[in-house]
Amino acid sequence: MNTVLYWAASFALVCFALGMVFATVRLLRGPTAQDRVLALDTLYINGMLTMLVFGIRTGSSLYFDIALLIALFGFVGSTAMARFLLRGEVIEP
């Protein structure tokens, strides 16, 4: 791997980890439920991007599949939380 790419990936991992720490703080301290949902969205996006950077760094395609699953479950979770906050129920009778 190129030295510049290695250091760029390392810097990106540090930035994503820092973003995850700030999102966790917002998740725990958020004054409203909307803030907590937004923090959860930020956490899953940063987790997905972390897996993508790991995949670039190691050259393994397994991390890309994991990132795809994180994105899929994160989207479904965000949609369910938005419906719950909007209507008070996730599945309509």
N, C-alpha and C. Protein backbone atom coordinates (compact mmCIF):
# COMPACT_ATOMS: atom_id res chain seq x y z
N MET A 1 0.85 -1.17 0.00
CA MET A 1 0.00 0.00 0.00
C MET A 1 0.89 1.23 0.00
N ASN A 2 0.43 2.22 -0.68
CA ASN A 2 1.16 3.48 -0.76
C ASN A 2 1.20 4.14 0.61
N THR A 3 2.30 4.81 0.90
CA THR A 3 2.47 5.46 2.21
C THR A 3 1.45 6.57 2.42
N VAL A 4 1.19 7.33 1.37
CA VAL A 4 0.23 8.43 1.49
C VAL A 4 -1.18 7.88 1.74
N LEU A 5 -1.52 6.80 1.04
CA LEU A 5 -2.83 6.19 1.25
C LEU A 5 -2.96 5.62 2.65
N TYR A 6 -1.89 5.04 3.16
CA TYR A 6 -1.91 4.49 4.52
C TYR A 6 -2.16 5.60 5.54
N TRP A 7 -1.45 6.71 5.43
CA TRP A 7 -1.62 7.80 6.39
C TRP A 7 -2.97 8.49 6.22
N ALA A 8 -3.46 8.58 4.99
CA ALA A 8 -4.79 9.17 4.77
C ALA A 8 -5.88 8.29 5.39
N ALA A 9 -5.73 6.98 5.24
CA ALA A 9 -6.70 6.06 5.85
C ALA A 9 -6.63 6.13 7.36
N SER A 10 -5.43 6.24 7.90
CA SER A 10 -5.28 6.36 9.35
C SER A 10 -5.93 7.64 9.87
N PHE A 11 -5.71 8.74 9.15
CA PHE A 11 -6.32 10.01 9.55
C PHE A 11 -7.84 9.93 9.46
N ALA A 12 -8.36 9.28 8.41
CA ALA A 12 -9.80 9.13 8.27
C ALA A 12 -10.38 8.29 9.40
N LEU A 13 -9.67 7.24 9.80
CA LEU A 13 -10.15 6.41 10.91
C LEU A 13 -10.21 7.19 12.21
N VAL A 14 -9.21 8.02 12.45
CA VAL A 14 -9.21 8.86 13.66
C VAL A 14 -10.38 9.84 13.62
N CYS A 15 -10.62 10.45 12.46
CA CYS A 15 -11.73 11.40 12.34
C CYS A 15 -13.07 10.72 12.54
N PHE A 16 -13.24 9.52 11.97
CA PHE A 16 -14.50 8.80 12.15
C PHE A 16 -14.68 8.36 13.59
N ALA A 17 -13.61 7.96 14.24
CA ALA A 17 -13.70 7.57 15.66
C ALA A 17 -14.09 8.77 16.51
N LEU A 18 -13.52 9.93 16.21
CA LEU A 18 -13.87 11.15 16.95
C LEU A 18 -15.33 11.52 16.71
N GLY A 19 -15.79 11.37 15.48
CA GLY A 19 -17.20 11.62 15.17
C GLY A 19 -18.12 10.67 15.91
N MET A 20 -17.69 9.42 16.04
CA MET A 20 -18.50 8.45 16.78
C MET A 20 -18.56 8.78 18.27
N VAL A 21 -17.48 9.30 18.81
CA VAL A 21 -17.48 9.71 20.22
C VAL A 21 -18.45 10.87 20.43
N PHE A 22 -18.40 11.86 19.55
CA PHE A 22 -19.31 12.99 19.68
C PHE A 22 -20.77 12.57 19.49
N ALA A 23 -21.02 11.65 18.56
CA ALA A 23 -22.38 11.17 18.35
C ALA A 23 -22.88 10.37 19.54
N THR A 24 -21.99 9.62 20.18
CA THR A 24 -22.37 8.88 21.38
C THR A 24 -22.73 9.82 22.52
N VAL A 25 -21.98 10.90 22.64
CA VAL A 25 -22.30 11.90 23.67
C VAL A 25 -23.68 12.51 23.39
N ARG A 26 -23.96 12.80 22.12
CA ARG A 26 -25.27 13.36 21.77
C ARG A 26 -26.38 12.33 21.99
N LEU A 27 -26.07 11.06 21.75
CA LEU A 27 -27.05 10.01 21.97
C LEU A 27 -27.41 9.90 23.44
N LEU A 28 -26.43 10.03 24.30
CA LEU A 28 -26.68 9.90 25.74
C LEU A 28 -27.26 11.17 26.36
N ARG A 29 -26.86 12.34 25.85
CA ARG A 29 -27.29 13.59 26.47
C ARG A 29 -28.39 14.32 25.72
N GLY A 30 -28.80 13.79 24.56
CA GLY A 30 -29.76 14.51 23.73
C GLY A 30 -31.01 14.91 24.47
N PRO A 31 -31.40 16.17 24.40
CA PRO A 31 -32.58 16.59 25.16
C PRO A 31 -33.88 16.06 24.56
N THR A 32 -33.91 15.79 23.27
CA THR A 32 -35.14 15.29 22.66
C THR A 32 -34.88 13.96 21.96
N ALA A 33 -35.96 13.29 21.64
CA ALA A 33 -35.84 12.00 20.94
C ALA A 33 -35.30 12.19 19.53
N GLN A 34 -35.61 13.32 18.90
CA GLN A 34 -35.10 13.59 17.56
C GLN A 34 -33.58 13.72 17.55
N ASP A 35 -33.04 14.33 18.59
CA ASP A 35 -31.58 14.43 18.70
C ASP A 35 -30.95 13.04 18.84
N ARG A 36 -31.59 12.18 19.57
CA ARG A 36 -31.06 10.82 19.75
C ARG A 36 -31.14 10.02 18.45
N VAL A 37 -32.21 10.19 17.69
CA VAL A 37 -32.32 9.50 16.40
C VAL A 37 -31.25 10.01 15.44
N LEU A 38 -31.03 11.29 15.41
CA LEU A 38 -30.00 11.86 14.55
C LEU A 38 -28.62 11.38 14.97
N ALA A 39 -28.37 11.26 16.26
CA ALA A 39 -27.09 10.74 16.74
C ALA A 39 -26.92 9.28 16.35
N LEU A 40 -28.00 8.51 16.40
CA LEU A 40 -27.93 7.11 16.00
C LEU A 40 -27.65 6.99 14.50
N ASP A 41 -28.25 7.87 13.69
CA ASP A 41 -27.95 7.89 12.27
C ASP A 41 -26.47 8.22 12.02
N THR A 42 -25.97 9.18 12.76
CA THR A 42 -24.56 9.55 12.62
C THR A 42 -23.65 8.40 13.02
N LEU A 43 -24.03 7.68 14.06
CA LEU A 43 -23.23 6.53 14.50
C LEU A 43 -23.17 5.44 13.44
N TYR A 44 -24.30 5.12 12.85
CA TYR A 44 -24.25 4.03 11.87
C TYR A 44 -23.56 4.47 10.59
N ILE A 45 -23.67 5.73 10.21
CA ILE A 45 -22.94 6.21 9.03
C ILE A 45 -21.44 6.20 9.28
N ASN A 46 -21.03 6.66 10.45
CA ASN A 46 -19.60 6.63 10.77
C ASN A 46 -19.08 5.20 10.89
N GLY A 47 -19.89 4.30 11.43
CA GLY A 47 -19.49 2.90 11.49
C GLY A 47 -19.34 2.30 10.10
N MET A 48 -20.26 2.64 9.21
CA MET A 48 -20.17 2.15 7.84
C MET A 48 -18.92 2.69 7.15
N LEU A 49 -18.64 3.97 7.31
CA LEU A 49 -17.46 4.56 6.70
C LEU A 49 -16.17 3.99 7.30
N THR A 50 -16.20 3.68 8.58
CA THR A 50 -15.03 3.05 9.21
C THR A 50 -14.76 1.69 8.58
N MET A 51 -15.81 0.91 8.35
CA MET A 51 -15.63 -0.39 7.70
C MET A 51 -15.11 -0.23 6.28
N LEU A 52 -15.57 0.79 5.56
CA LEU A 52 -15.07 1.02 4.21
C LEU A 52 -13.59 1.38 4.21
N VAL A 53 -13.18 2.20 5.16
CA VAL A 53 -11.76 2.57 5.25
C VAL A 53 -10.92 1.36 5.64
N PHE A 54 -11.43 0.53 6.56
CA PHE A 54 -10.72 -0.72 6.89
C PHE A 54 -10.56 -1.59 5.65
N GLY A 55 -11.61 -1.66 4.83
CA GLY A 55 -11.54 -2.45 3.61
C GLY A 55 -10.51 -1.92 2.63
N ILE A 56 -10.43 -0.61 2.50
CA ILE A 56 -9.42 -0.02 1.63
C ILE A 56 -8.03 -0.28 2.19
N ARG A 57 -7.90 -0.16 3.49
CA ARG A 57 -6.59 -0.31 4.12
C ARG A 57 -6.07 -1.75 4.04
N THR A 58 -6.95 -2.71 4.23
CA THR A 58 -6.51 -4.10 4.23
C THR A 58 -6.62 -4.76 2.87
N GLY A 59 -7.42 -4.21 1.97
CA GLY A 59 -7.61 -4.81 0.66
C GLY A 59 -8.56 -5.99 0.68
N SER A 60 -9.32 -6.14 1.73
CA SER A 60 -10.26 -7.25 1.86
C SER A 60 -11.66 -6.79 1.48
N SER A 61 -12.37 -7.62 0.72
CA SER A 61 -13.73 -7.27 0.32
C SER A 61 -14.76 -7.58 1.40
N LEU A 62 -14.36 -8.28 2.44
CA LEU A 62 -15.28 -8.61 3.53
C LEU A 62 -15.80 -7.35 4.22
N TYR A 63 -14.93 -6.37 4.38
CA TYR A 63 -15.33 -5.14 5.05
C TYR A 63 -16.38 -4.37 4.24
N PHE A 64 -16.34 -4.48 2.93
CA PHE A 64 -17.33 -3.80 2.10
C PHE A 64 -18.71 -4.45 2.27
N ASP A 65 -18.74 -5.77 2.41
CA ASP A 65 -20.01 -6.45 2.68
C ASP A 65 -20.57 -6.07 4.04
N ILE A 66 -19.69 -5.96 5.03
CA ILE A 66 -20.13 -5.55 6.37
C ILE A 66 -20.67 -4.13 6.34
N ALA A 67 -20.02 -3.24 5.59
CA ALA A 67 -20.49 -1.86 5.47
C ALA A 67 -21.86 -1.81 4.80
N LEU A 68 -22.08 -2.67 3.82
CA LEU A 68 -23.38 -2.72 3.17
C LEU A 68 -24.47 -3.17 4.13
N LEU A 69 -24.17 -4.15 4.97
CA LEU A 69 -25.15 -4.60 5.97
C LEU A 69 -25.43 -3.52 7.01
N ILE A 70 -24.39 -2.80 7.44
CA ILE A 70 -24.59 -1.71 8.40
C ILE A 70 -25.49 -0.64 7.80
N ALA A 71 -25.27 -0.31 6.52
CA ALA A 71 -26.10 0.70 5.87
C ALA A 71 -27.55 0.24 5.76
N LEU A 72 -27.74 -1.03 5.41
CA LEU A 72 -29.09 -1.56 5.28
C LEU A 72 -29.84 -1.56 6.61
N PHE A 73 -29.21 -2.09 7.65
CA PHE A 73 -29.86 -2.12 8.96
C PHE A 73 -30.04 -0.73 9.55
N GLY A 74 -29.10 0.16 9.28
CA GLY A 74 -29.23 1.53 9.76
C GLY A 74 -30.40 2.25 9.12
N PHE A 75 -30.58 2.04 7.82
CA PHE A 75 -31.71 2.67 7.13
C PHE A 75 -33.04 2.15 7.67
N VAL A 76 -33.13 0.84 7.83
CA VAL A 76 -34.38 0.25 8.35
C VAL A 76 -34.64 0.74 9.77
N GLY A 77 -33.60 0.80 10.59
CA GLY A 77 -33.76 1.29 11.96
C GLY A 77 -34.18 2.75 12.01
N SER A 78 -33.59 3.57 11.15
CA SER A 78 -33.96 4.99 11.12
C SER A 78 -35.40 5.18 10.67
N THR A 79 -35.81 4.41 9.69
CA THR A 79 -37.19 4.49 9.22
C THR A 79 -38.17 4.07 10.30
N ALA A 80 -37.84 3.00 11.01
CA ALA A 80 -38.72 2.55 12.09
C ALA A 80 -38.79 3.57 13.21
N MET A 81 -37.67 4.16 13.57
CA MET A 81 -37.67 5.18 14.63
C MET A 81 -38.46 6.41 14.20
N ALA A 82 -38.32 6.83 12.94
CA ALA A 82 -39.07 7.99 12.46
C ALA A 82 -40.57 7.71 12.47
N ARG A 83 -40.97 6.51 12.06
CA ARG A 83 -42.39 6.18 12.10
C ARG A 83 -42.91 6.13 13.52
N PHE A 84 -42.10 5.61 14.43
CA PHE A 84 -42.52 5.55 15.82
C PHE A 84 -42.67 6.94 16.40
N LEU A 85 -41.74 7.82 16.13
CA LEU A 85 -41.84 9.19 16.66
C LEU A 85 -42.97 9.96 16.02
N LEU A 86 -43.27 9.66 14.77
CA LEU A 86 -44.33 10.38 14.07
C LEU A 86 -45.72 9.90 14.46
N ARG A 87 -45.91 8.56 14.52
CA ARG A 87 -47.24 8.00 14.72
C ARG A 87 -47.43 7.29 16.06
N GLY A 88 -46.35 6.95 16.72
CA GLY A 88 -46.46 6.24 17.98
C GLY A 88 -46.50 4.74 17.85
N GLU A 89 -46.43 4.22 16.60
CA GLU A 89 -46.40 2.80 16.38
C GLU A 89 -45.56 2.52 15.12
N VAL A 90 -44.94 1.37 15.10
CA VAL A 90 -44.09 1.04 13.97
C VAL A 90 -44.88 0.26 12.91
N ILE A 91 -45.65 -0.71 13.35
CA ILE A 91 -46.44 -1.53 12.44
C ILE A 91 -47.89 -1.16 12.59
N GLU A 92 -48.50 -0.79 11.48
CA GLU A 92 -49.92 -0.39 11.53
C GLU A 92 -50.79 -1.65 11.57
N PRO A 93 -51.85 -1.61 12.38
CA PRO A 93 -52.74 -2.79 12.45
C PRO A 93 -53.58 -2.94 11.20
